[in-house]
Protein backbone atom coordinates (compact mmCIF):
# COMPACT_ATOMS: atom_id res chain seq x y z
CA UNK A 1 45.37 15.28 130.31
CA UNK A 2 46.44 16.54 133.74
CA UNK A 3 43.29 18.63 134.08
CA UNK A 4 41.11 15.66 133.10
CA UNK A 5 42.79 13.51 135.75
CA UNK A 6 42.25 16.17 138.42
CA UNK A 7 38.61 16.58 137.39
CA UNK A 8 38.08 12.81 137.52
CA UNK A 9 39.70 12.62 140.95
CA UNK A 10 37.48 15.44 142.25
CA UNK A 11 34.41 13.66 140.86
CA UNK A 12 35.42 10.41 142.56
CA UNK A 13 36.00 12.16 145.87
CA UNK A 14 32.53 13.73 145.69
CA UNK A 15 30.88 10.45 144.73
CA UNK A 16 32.74 8.20 147.18
CA UNK A 17 33.26 10.58 150.10
CA UNK A 18 34.10 8.15 152.89
CA UNK A 19 35.74 5.46 150.82
CA UNK A 20 39.18 4.49 149.57
CA UNK A 21 37.68 4.02 146.09
CA UNK A 22 39.03 7.31 144.67
CA UNK A 23 42.57 6.46 145.76
CA UNK A 24 42.36 3.02 144.13
CA UNK A 25 40.72 4.25 140.91
CA UNK A 26 43.32 6.99 140.43
CA UNK A 27 46.09 4.51 141.15
CA UNK A 28 44.59 2.07 138.62
CA UNK A 29 44.35 4.81 136.03
CA UNK A 30 47.97 5.80 136.57
CA UNK A 31 49.04 2.17 136.18
CA UNK A 32 47.24 2.03 132.83
CA UNK A 33 48.73 5.38 131.76
CA UNK A 34 52.22 4.13 132.61
CA UNK A 35 51.59 0.88 130.73
CA UNK A 36 50.51 2.69 127.57
CA UNK A 37 53.44 5.11 127.65
CA UNK A 38 53.34 8.12 125.36
CA UNK A 39 50.01 7.03 123.87
CA UNK A 40 48.33 8.05 127.12
CA UNK A 41 48.95 11.69 126.21
CA UNK A 42 46.56 11.25 123.29
CA UNK A 43 43.74 9.01 124.55
CA UNK A 44 42.34 8.58 121.03
CA UNK A 45 45.61 6.83 120.13
CA UNK A 46 44.94 3.99 122.59
CA UNK A 47 43.66 0.92 120.76
CA UNK A 48 41.92 -2.30 121.71
CA UNK A 49 45.30 -4.00 121.30
CA UNK A 50 46.75 -1.69 123.96
CA UNK A 51 43.95 -2.66 126.33
CA UNK A 52 44.42 -6.36 125.53
CA UNK A 53 48.16 -6.02 126.16
CA UNK A 54 47.48 -4.31 129.48
CA UNK A 55 45.11 -7.07 130.53
CA UNK A 56 47.64 -9.73 129.56
CA UNK A 57 50.32 -7.96 131.62
CA UNK A 58 48.00 -7.94 134.61
CA UNK A 59 47.16 -11.64 134.19
CA UNK A 60 50.86 -12.49 133.86
CA UNK A 61 51.54 -10.53 137.06
CA UNK A 62 49.10 -12.88 138.80
CA UNK A 63 46.44 -10.30 139.64
CA UNK A 64 42.91 -11.44 140.35
CA UNK A 65 40.17 -10.95 137.78
CA UNK A 66 38.45 -8.56 140.21
CA UNK A 67 41.52 -6.31 140.30
CA UNK A 68 42.00 -6.46 136.55
CA UNK A 69 38.36 -5.59 135.92
CA UNK A 70 38.54 -2.67 138.35
CA UNK A 71 41.61 -1.38 136.54
CA UNK A 72 39.76 -1.50 133.26
């Protein structure tokens, strides 16, 4: 998983060179990983219910739909 995250971050930095987008996308991904706990170590174990729960947590926290959609 660590290697995949590093590869994704490198890709983002190449694609969005002069932007803060990579920083935000990696932060969003880490927020989702933390929310899903140990399931994040096995991405195939993450279910639609996990995603729905994550979205509900974000809504409850008062985040905008734009932020929630970016995090997805």
